[in-house]
Amino acid sequence: MSTTVRRVRHAYEEYLALEQDSTVRHEYLDGEIYAMAGGSPDHAALAGAIIAILGRQLPPGCRIFTSDLRLRIPATGLSTYPDAAVVCGRTVRSADDPLAVVNPVLVVEVTSPSTEDYDRGEKLRHYKSLSSLREVVIASYREPGLTLHRRQDNGWTEDAAGPGQSLLLTSVDARIAVDEAYRGLEDLG
């Protein structure tokens, strides 16, 4: 006896209705709705530290958002909640989702054991299709370290910083020191 798996596809409007009433955040892509897992205390502390570091340095006209901000990526159809995002100037809302923003200049993701491959792979590819986006910072859950993906005239570059080092974010004229971001975190890995 064989069984057939029926794949349920959801309209974006169904996703929006679910998000409106849900206490759990979800991602949406190609008709699929995926629950997003909560992070560890160190994951939350690292995201909070990066938000605080950046928040002190942002130029006038730029604002930092927490993981409560939904991003919509029109070119790929992904809707997601990065750990942090920066928008300079007015927020531009998605044509099909008035609560989703489409114009970040910087996105920050803190990896976890279950999301690291996705954050560094497919999700990063989605982010890179945002025309406003200049930089993506990925913070490792394994050990103190930040990876910076930066849009250049000839494509995207990658730079990394470890203990004792820092990254200069040209999109917002800010610097993140690895030691400051990871200070007090005990349970990495």
Protein backbone atom coordinates (compact mmCIF):
# COMPACT_ATOMS: atom_id res chain seq x y z
CA MET A 1 0.00 0.00 0.00
CA SER A 2 1.44 3.36 -0.95
CA THR A 3 0.63 6.65 0.63
CA THR A 4 0.54 9.96 -1.11
CA VAL A 5 1.66 13.05 0.72
CA ARG A 6 -0.59 15.94 -0.09
CA ARG A 7 1.17 19.26 0.02
CA VAL A 8 -1.07 22.04 1.22
CA ARG A 9 -0.47 25.42 -0.39
CA HIS A 10 -1.61 28.53 1.36
CA ALA A 11 -2.49 31.89 -0.14
CA TYR A 12 -0.58 34.84 1.28
CA GLU A 13 -3.81 36.15 2.76
CA GLU A 14 -4.11 32.94 4.81
CA TYR A 15 -0.59 33.50 6.11
CA LEU A 16 -1.45 37.07 7.12
CA ALA A 17 -4.57 35.90 8.96
CA LEU A 18 -2.51 33.28 10.81
CA GLU A 19 0.15 35.84 11.80
CA GLN A 20 -2.46 38.28 13.05
CA ASP A 21 -3.79 35.81 15.62
CA SER A 22 -0.69 33.74 16.37
CA THR A 23 1.64 33.95 19.35
CA VAL A 24 4.29 32.18 17.26
CA ARG A 25 5.97 33.79 14.26
CA HIS A 26 5.98 32.07 10.90
CA GLU A 27 7.87 32.39 7.64
CA TYR A 28 6.07 32.21 4.33
CA LEU A 29 7.49 30.99 1.02
CA ASP A 30 5.89 29.49 -2.07
CA GLY A 31 2.58 28.76 -0.34
CA GLU A 32 4.28 27.05 2.60
CA ILE A 33 4.07 28.35 6.17
CA TYR A 34 6.89 27.47 8.55
CA ALA A 35 6.84 28.03 12.32
CA MET A 36 9.96 29.80 13.57
CA ALA A 37 11.52 28.27 16.66
CA GLY A 38 12.35 30.39 19.67
CA GLY A 39 16.00 30.98 20.46
CA SER A 40 18.11 30.22 23.50
CA PRO A 41 18.82 32.87 26.14
CA ASP A 42 22.30 33.40 24.62
CA HIS A 43 20.73 33.80 21.16
CA ALA A 44 18.44 36.50 22.51
CA ALA A 45 21.28 38.16 24.45
CA LEU A 46 23.54 38.23 21.37
CA ALA A 47 20.79 39.75 19.21
CA GLY A 48 20.08 42.29 21.94
CA ALA A 49 23.76 43.19 22.29
CA ILE A 50 24.11 43.78 18.54
CA ILE A 51 20.96 45.91 18.51
CA ALA A 52 22.32 47.99 21.41
CA ILE A 53 25.76 48.39 19.79
CA LEU A 54 24.27 49.48 16.48
CA GLY A 55 21.58 51.65 18.07
CA ARG A 56 24.21 53.86 19.72
CA GLN A 57 25.93 54.50 16.40
CA LEU A 58 23.21 54.89 13.80
CA PRO A 59 23.23 58.12 11.81
CA PRO A 60 20.19 60.40 11.91
CA GLY A 61 17.37 59.07 9.77
CA CYS A 62 18.21 55.40 10.41
CA ARG A 63 16.29 53.15 12.81
CA ILE A 64 17.02 49.69 14.11
CA PHE A 65 14.21 47.14 14.42
CA THR A 66 13.98 43.99 16.53
CA SER A 67 12.82 40.57 15.39
CA ASP A 68 9.24 41.82 15.59
CA LEU A 69 9.69 43.45 12.17
CA ARG A 70 8.44 41.34 9.28
CA LEU A 71 10.42 41.66 6.06
CA ARG A 72 8.84 40.83 2.73
CA ILE A 73 11.12 40.00 -0.17
CA PRO A 74 9.06 40.66 -3.29
CA ALA A 75 11.49 39.05 -5.76
CA THR A 76 11.37 35.66 -4.03
CA GLY A 77 8.13 35.80 -2.04
CA LEU A 78 9.75 35.16 1.34
CA SER A 79 8.30 36.80 4.43
CA THR A 80 10.49 36.45 7.51
CA TYR A 81 11.61 38.04 10.75
CA PRO A 82 15.37 38.75 10.95
CA ASP A 83 16.94 39.14 14.39
CA ALA A 84 17.55 42.82 13.59
CA ALA A 85 17.17 45.15 10.62
CA VAL A 86 18.04 48.76 9.91
CA VAL A 87 16.05 51.05 7.66
CA CYS A 88 17.35 54.49 6.70
CA GLY A 89 14.69 56.98 5.71
CA ARG A 90 11.04 56.05 5.58
CA THR A 91 9.96 52.45 5.80
CA VAL A 92 8.53 51.17 2.54
CA ARG A 93 5.73 48.65 3.04
CA SER A 94 5.03 45.65 0.88
CA ALA A 95 2.29 46.09 -1.70
CA ASP A 96 0.56 42.93 -0.45
CA ASP A 97 1.33 43.25 3.27
CA PRO A 98 1.00 46.62 5.04
CA LEU A 99 2.87 45.33 8.11
CA ALA A 100 5.92 44.10 6.18
CA VAL A 101 8.87 46.29 5.24
CA VAL A 102 10.79 45.88 1.97
CA ASN A 103 13.66 48.38 2.27
CA PRO A 104 16.24 47.46 4.93
CA VAL A 105 19.84 48.56 4.33
CA LEU A 106 21.19 46.12 6.93
CA VAL A 107 19.96 42.77 8.23
CA VAL A 108 21.36 40.80 11.20
CA GLU A 109 20.84 37.09 11.75
CA VAL A 110 22.03 35.15 14.80
CA THR A 111 22.44 31.50 13.90
CA SER A 112 21.32 28.53 15.98
CA PRO A 113 21.94 24.79 15.59
CA SER A 114 18.70 24.38 13.64
CA THR A 115 19.01 27.51 11.45
CA GLU A 116 22.72 27.95 10.69
CA ASP A 117 22.71 26.30 7.25
CA TYR A 118 19.51 28.12 6.26
CA ASP A 119 20.73 31.50 7.56
CA ARG A 120 24.04 31.21 5.70
CA GLY A 121 22.54 29.67 2.56
CA GLU A 122 19.01 29.94 1.24
CA LYS A 123 17.85 32.75 3.54
CA LEU A 124 20.94 34.81 2.70
CA ARG A 125 20.20 34.36 -1.02
CA HIS A 126 16.69 35.69 -0.43
CA TYR A 127 18.00 38.71 1.44
CA LYS A 128 20.49 39.52 -1.30
CA SER A 129 17.62 40.00 -3.77
CA LEU A 130 16.42 43.08 -1.83
CA SER A 131 17.59 46.06 -3.88
CA SER A 132 17.88 48.33 -0.82
CA LEU A 133 20.04 45.89 1.14
CA ARG A 134 23.72 46.79 1.46
CA GLU A 135 24.93 44.45 4.21
CA VAL A 136 24.03 41.29 6.09
CA VAL A 137 25.71 40.38 9.39
CA ILE A 138 25.56 36.76 10.53
CA ALA A 139 26.52 36.11 14.15
CA SER A 140 27.63 32.57 14.99
CA TYR A 141 26.11 30.59 17.82
CA ARG A 142 29.10 28.20 17.88
CA GLU A 143 31.86 30.62 18.86
CA PRO A 144 32.43 34.37 18.96
CA GLY A 145 32.47 35.42 15.32
CA LEU A 146 30.68 37.66 12.85
CA THR A 147 30.42 37.29 9.08
CA LEU A 148 29.67 40.33 6.95
CA HIS A 149 28.19 40.07 3.46
CA ARG A 150 28.45 43.40 1.62
CA ARG A 151 27.00 44.46 -1.72
CA GLN A 152 29.66 45.94 -4.01
CA ASP A 153 29.38 47.25 -7.56
CA ASN A 154 30.63 43.89 -8.86
CA GLY A 155 28.59 41.63 -6.54
CA TRP A 156 28.69 40.52 -2.93
CA THR A 157 31.83 40.17 -0.78
CA GLU A 158 32.32 38.30 2.49
CA ASP A 159 34.46 39.28 5.46
CA ALA A 160 34.77 37.69 8.89
CA ALA A 161 35.82 38.88 12.34
CA GLY A 162 36.69 36.85 15.41
CA PRO A 163 37.74 37.61 18.99
CA GLY A 164 39.69 40.86 19.27
CA GLN A 165 38.39 42.04 15.89
CA SER A 166 35.53 44.18 14.66
CA LEU A 167 33.50 44.77 11.52
CA LEU A 168 32.93 48.18 9.95
CA LEU A 169 29.43 48.46 8.51
CA THR A 170 29.54 51.03 5.75
CA SER A 171 25.78 50.93 5.20
CA VAL A 172 25.21 52.67 8.54
CA ASP A 173 28.72 53.92 9.38
CA ALA A 174 28.92 51.72 12.49
CA ARG A 175 31.35 49.22 13.96
CA ILE A 176 30.62 45.97 15.82
CA ALA A 177 33.40 44.64 18.04
CA VAL A 178 33.13 40.87 18.41
CA ASP A 179 34.25 40.93 22.06
CA GLU A 180 31.61 43.52 22.95
CA ALA A 181 28.81 41.63 21.16
CA TYR A 182 29.66 38.32 22.83
CA ARG A 183 30.51 39.66 26.31
CA GLY A 184 28.99 37.51 29.06
CA LEU A 185 27.75 34.72 26.78
CA GLU A 186 28.54 31.37 28.32
CA ASP A 187 26.71 28.58 26.52
CA LEU A 188 27.85 28.91 22.91
CA GLY A 189 28.05 25.76 20.86
